[in-house]
Amino acid sequence: MEPCAWLKGTNIKKHVQTPSMALPPRAIFAFNANIDHHCFPSEDELKRVGDFAPALASQMDECFAYSVQREVSIDSKTCNFLLSEFKGAKEIVGGQAGNAAQMASALGVECLLHTNYASAGLLRLFSHPKKVLVATERGFAPADSVQEEKLEAHHFVFESAEARTRFIASYDPQPLHPDSLFCGKIRAELLSVQHAFVGGFHLLPTVGRLGKFMGELRAWKEINPSLRLFCELGEFQKPEVRDAMLEELGIFDMVGLNDTEMSSFGVGIEDFSQKANAALLHSQSAQEVLPKEKLDDEAMQFARKCASFRAEYGRCATLPELEGYEAKSVEKPAMTVGLGDTLSCAYFLSSL
């Protein structure tokens, strides 16, 4: 989601009651959770990146010059360079599913989290680890009880201090895939879960791999036909995967995306809306649901409160902290990364 004056220009209703009774007790969050390294690069740091990887630096310069967020994939060599060069970057939970689980766990929702990289390095970053459950051979266990050392996915989030535009360089050590351990264990849980928040498809390298994820989702729906699916979209790395995803939107009850991601599909909003059952469009200046008759106004007000709180304080709010809190325009946000996922997650949990 584009940052800066968060919620600017929106009409916020005051004293909206927090729908605590409407939140589900548990939900699935898949398929991408990773470690984000967030920083505001200096001119000297950008020069060193340019000396090491001129093409990457050029992409970053273009992103910042035109104030259009961009995400690219990098190799292990570049990842290791960035890890050594930006040791002072802030480590936070990243990925659409990771950000959503961070929000949901703060609200008291039990999160069944899929991740190909459930390492101790990632899991220690969750603020409410006992509410975040990951698959083990024994079943699902709280994040703070899992100490396995695994390969880690690192996403470097470079943010312009002036425009707050983000350039994301993503390294995933293994191809994203439906983790067999999680997929085996989740089947026993599906009848007790009514909500699933999924994302990460924009990072997939092939149409065939997208098909594996879609097949897994269809298997979930066969076990629990009432399972509600929300998909957060992104800027697709491969146009053929993006085009294939457009034809798969009908499986989801709702999809979320921002203006840049919407335009990348190359179709008008009307055509896009015909492919999707419903779409949550979010930007720094407006948040809306299409078709308009599917808007849950109370859920949207709640979602705006959650996003505003995170922008203002740099962390996810608990339900008690939201009581009496009013969404506002945040001119100098403490946190911009993950605001779109935060809003989408809060809307999804309180509306579907």
Protein backbone atom coordinates (compact mmCIF):
# COMPACT_ATOMS: atom_id res chain seq x y z
CA MET A 1 0.00 0.00 0.00
CA GLU A 2 1.27 3.47 -0.78
CA PRO A 3 2.24 5.21 2.47
CA CYS A 4 2.46 8.84 3.64
CA ALA A 5 -0.63 10.77 4.76
CA TRP A 6 -2.40 7.56 5.69
CA LEU A 7 -6.17 7.75 5.31
CA LYS A 8 -5.94 11.31 4.03
CA GLY A 9 -9.12 12.37 2.30
CA THR A 10 -11.28 9.59 3.72
CA ASN A 11 -14.42 10.18 5.70
CA ILE A 12 -13.83 8.40 8.98
CA LYS A 13 -16.83 7.66 11.14
CA LYS A 14 -16.14 8.31 14.80
CA HIS A 15 -16.72 5.98 17.73
CA VAL A 16 -17.09 2.86 15.63
CA GLN A 17 -17.44 -0.10 17.96
CA THR A 18 -14.67 -2.66 17.68
CA PRO A 19 -16.36 -5.83 16.39
CA SER A 20 -14.55 -8.15 18.80
CA MET A 21 -17.37 -10.69 18.77
CA ALA A 22 -17.23 -10.87 14.96
CA LEU A 23 -13.58 -11.90 14.76
CA PRO A 24 -12.98 -15.60 14.10
CA PRO A 25 -11.14 -17.59 16.78
CA ARG A 26 -8.63 -18.92 14.24
CA ALA A 27 -7.64 -18.48 10.60
CA ILE A 28 -5.11 -19.72 8.03
CA PHE A 29 -2.35 -17.43 6.75
CA ALA A 30 -0.40 -18.61 3.70
CA PHE A 31 1.78 -18.76 1.61
CA ASN A 32 4.47 -16.13 2.16
CA ALA A 33 6.06 -15.05 5.42
CA ASN A 34 9.66 -13.88 5.48
CA ILE A 35 12.16 -11.60 7.16
CA ASP A 36 11.99 -8.01 5.90
CA HIS A 37 15.06 -5.79 6.23
CA HIS A 38 13.72 -2.24 6.24
CA CYS A 39 15.89 0.83 5.83
CA PHE A 40 16.20 4.30 4.34
CA PRO A 41 19.38 3.99 2.23
CA SER A 42 21.90 6.83 2.21
CA GLU A 43 23.57 8.18 -0.93
CA ASP A 44 26.80 6.37 -0.02
CA GLU A 45 24.95 3.09 0.46
CA LEU A 46 23.18 3.49 -2.88
CA LYS A 47 26.54 4.14 -4.55
CA ARG A 48 27.97 0.91 -3.10
CA VAL A 49 24.93 -0.99 -4.35
CA GLY A 50 25.55 0.54 -7.78
CA ASP A 51 29.19 -0.54 -7.72
CA PHE A 52 28.20 -4.12 -6.86
CA ALA A 53 25.01 -4.49 -8.92
CA PRO A 54 24.55 -1.68 -11.47
CA ALA A 55 21.31 -3.11 -12.89
CA LEU A 56 19.73 -3.36 -9.44
CA ALA A 57 20.79 0.20 -8.57
CA SER A 58 19.32 1.46 -11.84
CA GLN A 59 15.98 -0.19 -11.06
CA MET A 60 16.04 1.36 -7.60
CA ASP A 61 16.83 4.82 -8.97
CA GLU A 62 13.93 4.57 -11.43
CA CYS A 63 11.57 3.45 -8.67
CA PHE A 64 12.45 6.41 -6.45
CA ALA A 65 12.52 8.91 -9.33
CA TYR A 66 8.99 8.07 -10.48
CA SER A 67 7.61 7.31 -6.98
CA VAL A 68 6.23 3.95 -8.11
CA GLN A 69 6.77 0.96 -5.83
CA ARG A 70 8.58 -1.97 -7.40
CA GLU A 71 9.59 -5.47 -6.34
CA VAL A 72 12.29 -7.59 -7.99
CA SER A 73 13.89 -10.95 -7.29
CA ILE A 74 17.61 -11.26 -6.48
CA ASP A 75 20.07 -14.16 -6.26
CA SER A 76 21.97 -15.49 -3.23
CA LYS A 77 25.14 -13.52 -4.08
CA THR A 78 23.25 -10.23 -4.10
CA CYS A 79 21.36 -11.23 -0.95
CA ASN A 80 24.62 -11.88 0.92
CA PHE A 81 26.01 -8.54 -0.24
CA LEU A 82 22.93 -6.68 0.99
CA LEU A 83 22.99 -8.55 4.31
CA SER A 84 26.57 -7.42 4.89
CA GLU A 85 26.04 -3.90 3.58
CA PHE A 86 22.83 -3.13 5.47
CA LYS A 87 23.47 -4.71 8.85
CA GLY A 88 21.68 -1.80 10.53
CA ALA A 89 18.41 -2.40 8.69
CA LYS A 90 15.43 -3.11 10.95
CA GLU A 91 14.30 -6.73 10.85
CA ILE A 92 10.52 -7.17 10.85
CA VAL A 93 8.01 -9.80 9.84
CA GLY A 94 7.39 -9.51 6.11
CA GLY A 95 5.36 -11.10 3.35
CA GLN A 96 1.64 -10.63 2.87
CA ALA A 97 0.72 -13.64 5.00
CA GLY A 98 3.35 -12.68 7.58
CA ASN A 99 2.07 -9.12 7.92
CA ALA A 100 -1.52 -10.34 8.10
CA ALA A 101 -0.66 -12.91 10.79
CA GLN A 102 1.13 -10.20 12.78
CA MET A 103 -2.10 -8.16 12.74
CA ALA A 104 -4.45 -11.06 13.40
CA SER A 105 -2.41 -12.43 16.31
CA ALA A 106 -2.44 -8.99 17.95
CA LEU A 107 -6.24 -9.10 17.74
CA GLY A 108 -6.24 -12.45 19.54
CA VAL A 109 -6.88 -14.63 16.49
CA GLU A 110 -5.08 -17.98 16.43
CA CYS A 111 -3.02 -18.00 13.23
CA LEU A 112 -2.20 -21.23 11.41
CA LEU A 113 0.81 -19.97 9.48
CA HIS A 114 2.25 -21.57 6.35
CA THR A 115 5.86 -20.73 5.62
CA ASN A 116 8.57 -22.52 3.68
CA TYR A 117 11.08 -20.86 5.99
CA ALA A 118 9.78 -21.39 9.54
CA SER A 119 13.16 -20.57 11.07
CA ALA A 120 13.76 -19.29 14.57
CA GLY A 121 15.03 -16.06 12.97
CA LEU A 122 11.62 -15.37 11.44
CA LEU A 123 9.40 -16.69 14.21
CA ARG A 124 11.08 -14.61 16.93
CA LEU A 125 9.90 -11.46 15.13
CA PHE A 126 6.21 -12.07 15.87
CA SER A 127 4.91 -9.87 18.67
CA HIS A 128 2.36 -12.45 19.85
CA PRO A 129 4.13 -15.76 19.14
CA LYS A 130 1.78 -17.92 21.19
CA LYS A 131 -1.02 -16.98 18.80
CA VAL A 132 1.07 -17.91 15.73
CA LEU A 133 1.11 -21.67 15.11
CA VAL A 134 3.38 -23.43 12.62
CA ALA A 135 3.34 -27.03 11.42
CA THR A 136 5.66 -29.55 13.07
CA GLU A 137 5.79 -33.33 12.97
CA ARG A 138 3.77 -33.29 16.21
CA GLY A 139 1.13 -30.97 14.78
CA PHE A 140 0.79 -27.20 15.06
CA ALA A 141 2.95 -25.54 17.72
CA PRO A 142 3.36 -21.93 18.93
CA ALA A 143 6.04 -19.94 17.16
CA ASP A 144 8.05 -19.39 20.34
CA SER A 145 8.44 -23.16 20.83
CA VAL A 146 10.00 -23.79 17.39
CA GLN A 147 13.78 -23.37 17.34
CA GLU A 148 14.68 -25.01 14.03
CA GLU A 149 17.44 -23.49 11.95
CA LYS A 150 16.33 -23.38 8.33
CA LEU A 151 17.12 -21.49 5.18
CA GLU A 152 15.67 -18.01 5.46
CA ALA A 153 13.88 -15.83 2.94
CA HIS A 154 15.16 -12.24 3.07
CA HIS A 155 13.34 -9.32 1.49
CA PHE A 156 15.14 -5.97 1.50
CA VAL A 157 12.72 -3.04 1.71
CA PHE A 158 14.47 0.15 0.66
CA GLU A 159 12.34 3.20 1.33
CA SER A 160 12.76 6.75 0.11
CA ALA A 161 12.82 9.01 3.16
CA GLU A 162 11.19 11.82 1.16
CA ALA A 163 8.50 10.18 -0.96
CA ARG A 164 8.19 7.02 1.18
CA THR A 165 8.24 5.01 -2.06
CA ARG A 166 9.50 1.45 -1.54
CA PHE A 167 11.82 -0.69 -3.63
CA ILE A 168 11.82 -4.35 -2.59
CA ALA A 169 14.58 -6.82 -3.47
CA SER A 170 13.37 -10.34 -2.66
CA TYR A 171 15.47 -13.43 -2.09
CA ASP A 172 13.80 -16.80 -1.57
CA PRO A 173 16.32 -19.64 -1.16
CA GLN A 174 13.92 -22.26 -2.50
CA PRO A 175 11.06 -21.99 -4.98
CA LEU A 176 7.82 -21.08 -3.24
CA HIS A 177 5.69 -24.19 -2.98
CA PRO A 178 2.86 -25.59 -0.86
CA ASP A 179 4.87 -27.01 2.05
CA SER A 180 4.05 -30.71 2.36
CA LEU A 181 4.21 -30.77 6.16
CA PHE A 182 1.80 -27.85 6.50
CA CYS A 183 -0.53 -29.19 3.82
CA GLY A 184 -0.65 -32.56 5.52
CA LYS A 185 -1.34 -31.16 8.98
CA ILE A 186 -3.85 -28.48 7.94
CA ARG A 187 -6.34 -30.99 6.61
CA ALA A 188 -7.21 -32.09 10.14
CA GLU A 189 -7.87 -28.44 11.07
CA LEU A 190 -9.91 -27.26 8.11
CA LEU A 191 -13.36 -28.01 9.50
CA SER A 192 -12.58 -25.78 12.49
CA VAL A 193 -11.44 -22.86 10.31
CA GLN A 194 -13.67 -20.56 8.26
CA HIS A 195 -11.14 -17.97 7.06
CA ALA A 196 -7.96 -18.24 4.99
CA PHE A 197 -5.78 -15.27 3.97
CA VAL A 198 -3.36 -16.13 1.15
CA GLY A 199 -0.73 -14.27 -0.83
CA GLY A 200 2.71 -14.52 -2.40
CA PHE A 201 1.52 -15.58 -5.84
CA HIS A 202 3.15 -12.52 -7.43
CA LEU A 203 6.56 -14.03 -6.66
CA LEU A 204 5.95 -17.33 -8.45
CA PRO A 205 8.25 -18.05 -11.42
CA THR A 206 5.98 -20.28 -13.53
CA VAL A 207 2.33 -20.87 -14.35
CA GLY A 208 2.79 -24.50 -13.38
CA ARG A 209 3.79 -23.56 -9.86
CA LEU A 210 0.77 -21.30 -9.58
CA GLY A 211 -1.31 -24.32 -10.52
CA LYS A 212 0.09 -26.25 -7.55
CA PHE A 213 -1.13 -23.56 -5.16
CA MET A 214 -4.53 -23.35 -6.82
CA GLY A 215 -4.82 -27.13 -6.57
CA GLU A 216 -4.09 -26.96 -2.84
CA LEU A 217 -6.74 -24.28 -2.32
CA ARG A 218 -9.32 -26.33 -4.20
CA ALA A 219 -8.49 -29.31 -1.98
CA TRP A 220 -9.17 -27.12 1.09
CA LYS A 221 -12.52 -26.08 -0.34
CA GLU A 222 -13.45 -29.69 -1.00
CA ILE A 223 -12.87 -30.51 2.67
CA ASN A 224 -14.60 -27.35 3.92
CA PRO A 225 -16.85 -25.78 1.25
CA SER A 226 -17.68 -22.89 3.61
CA LEU A 227 -14.03 -21.82 3.90
CA ARG A 228 -13.76 -18.15 2.95
CA LEU A 229 -10.70 -17.23 0.87
CA PHE A 230 -9.10 -13.79 0.70
CA CYS A 231 -6.11 -13.22 -1.61
CA GLU A 232 -3.78 -10.25 -1.38
CA LEU A 233 -2.32 -9.63 -4.83
CA GLY A 234 0.97 -7.94 -5.68
CA GLU A 235 3.21 -6.79 -8.52
CA PHE A 236 3.77 -9.99 -10.49
CA GLN A 237 7.34 -10.82 -11.49
CA LYS A 238 6.24 -12.84 -14.52
CA PRO A 239 3.52 -11.55 -16.91
CA GLU A 240 2.42 -15.07 -17.81
CA VAL A 241 1.81 -15.86 -14.12
CA ARG A 242 -0.12 -12.59 -13.74
CA ASP A 243 -2.31 -13.44 -16.73
CA ALA A 244 -2.96 -16.94 -15.41
CA MET A 245 -3.82 -15.49 -12.00
CA LEU A 246 -6.43 -13.24 -13.58
CA GLU A 247 -8.28 -16.35 -14.70
CA GLU A 248 -8.10 -17.87 -11.20
CA LEU A 249 -9.66 -14.97 -9.30
CA GLY A 250 -13.07 -16.60 -9.18
CA ILE A 251 -11.95 -19.08 -6.50
CA PHE A 252 -11.53 -16.24 -3.99
CA ASP A 253 -14.31 -14.53 -2.07
CA MET A 254 -12.32 -11.29 -2.25
CA VAL A 255 -8.96 -10.02 -3.48
CA GLY A 256 -6.96 -7.03 -2.23
CA LEU A 257 -4.59 -4.81 -4.20
CA ASN A 258 -3.36 -1.25 -4.63
CA ASP A 259 -3.40 1.12 -7.60
CA THR A 260 -0.03 0.05 -9.00
CA GLU A 261 -0.94 -3.62 -8.79
CA MET A 262 -4.32 -2.96 -10.36
CA SER A 263 -2.80 -1.16 -13.35
CA SER A 264 -0.26 -3.94 -13.91
CA PHE A 265 -3.04 -6.34 -14.91
CA GLY A 266 -3.64 -4.26 -18.02
CA VAL A 267 -7.43 -4.44 -17.83
CA GLY A 268 -9.99 -1.87 -16.77
CA ILE A 269 -11.61 -2.00 -13.36
CA GLU A 270 -14.86 -3.21 -14.89
CA ASP A 271 -13.18 -6.16 -16.60
CA PHE A 272 -11.20 -6.93 -13.46
CA SER A 273 -14.35 -6.83 -11.34
CA GLN A 274 -15.99 -9.37 -13.63
CA LYS A 275 -13.13 -11.79 -12.95
CA ALA A 276 -13.16 -11.30 -9.17
CA ASN A 277 -16.11 -11.86 -6.84
CA ALA A 278 -15.10 -8.71 -4.95
CA ALA A 279 -12.05 -6.47 -4.75
CA LEU A 280 -10.69 -4.39 -1.88
CA LEU A 281 -8.78 -1.49 -3.46
CA HIS A 282 -6.48 0.37 -1.10
CA SER A 283 -4.20 3.37 -1.54
CA GLN A 284 -2.93 6.22 0.61
CA SER A 285 -5.99 8.30 -0.21
CA ALA A 286 -8.87 5.86 -0.52
CA GLN A 287 -10.05 2.41 0.42
CA GLU A 288 -13.07 0.93 -1.30
CA VAL A 289 -14.75 -2.35 -2.16
CA LEU A 290 -16.07 -3.24 -5.60
CA PRO A 291 -18.80 -4.00 -6.38
CA LYS A 292 -19.99 -1.34 -3.97
CA GLU A 293 -22.90 -3.41 -2.69
CA LYS A 294 -20.42 -5.83 -1.14
CA LEU A 295 -18.88 -3.17 1.11
CA ASP A 296 -19.19 -3.88 4.82
CA ASP A 297 -18.99 -0.35 6.20
CA GLU A 298 -18.40 -1.31 9.82
CA ALA A 299 -15.61 -3.69 8.84
CA MET A 300 -13.99 -0.97 6.73
CA GLN A 301 -14.01 1.48 9.60
CA PHE A 302 -12.44 -1.18 11.83
CA ALA A 303 -9.79 -1.93 9.19
CA ARG A 304 -8.95 1.77 8.89
CA LYS A 305 -8.49 1.97 12.64
CA CYS A 306 -6.06 -0.97 12.55
CA ALA A 307 -4.04 0.52 9.68
CA SER A 308 -4.03 4.01 11.20
CA PHE A 309 -2.81 2.67 14.54
CA ARG A 310 0.04 0.79 12.89
CA ALA A 311 1.01 3.84 10.84
CA GLU A 312 0.97 6.05 13.95
CA TYR A 313 2.71 3.74 16.43
CA GLY A 314 4.69 1.38 14.20
CA ARG A 315 3.05 -1.77 15.53
CA CYS A 316 -0.22 -3.69 15.40
CA ALA A 317 -2.94 -2.81 17.90
CA THR A 318 -4.62 -5.17 20.31
CA LEU A 319 -8.38 -5.05 20.73
CA PRO A 320 -8.20 -3.12 24.05
CA GLU A 321 -5.94 -0.53 22.40
CA LEU A 322 -8.50 0.00 19.63
CA GLU A 323 -11.29 0.82 22.08
CA GLY A 324 -11.79 4.57 21.81
CA TYR A 325 -9.11 4.91 19.13
CA GLU A 326 -10.12 6.88 16.04
CA ALA A 327 -8.59 6.45 12.60
CA LYS A 328 -6.78 9.56 11.47
CA SER A 329 -4.55 10.99 8.79
CA VAL A 330 -0.96 10.17 9.79
CA GLU A 331 1.28 12.72 8.11
CA LYS A 332 4.54 11.29 9.49
CA PRO A 333 3.96 7.56 9.90
CA ALA A 334 6.19 5.52 12.18
CA MET A 335 5.59 2.50 9.94
CA THR A 336 4.53 2.20 6.32
CA VAL A 337 5.58 -1.35 5.45
CA GLY A 338 2.67 -3.77 5.54
CA LEU A 339 -0.12 -1.20 5.89
CA GLY A 340 -2.03 -2.63 2.93
CA ASP A 341 -1.81 -6.15 4.34
CA THR A 342 -2.87 -4.81 7.74
CA LEU A 343 -5.98 -3.16 6.34
CA SER A 344 -6.87 -6.16 4.17
CA CYS A 345 -6.44 -8.59 7.05
CA ALA A 346 -8.54 -6.55 9.47
CA TYR A 347 -11.30 -6.08 6.88
CA PHE A 348 -11.26 -9.75 5.94
CA LEU A 349 -11.44 -11.00 9.52
CA SER A 350 -14.29 -8.69 10.53
CA SER A 351 -16.42 -8.90 7.38
CA LEU A 352 -16.33 -12.29 5.63
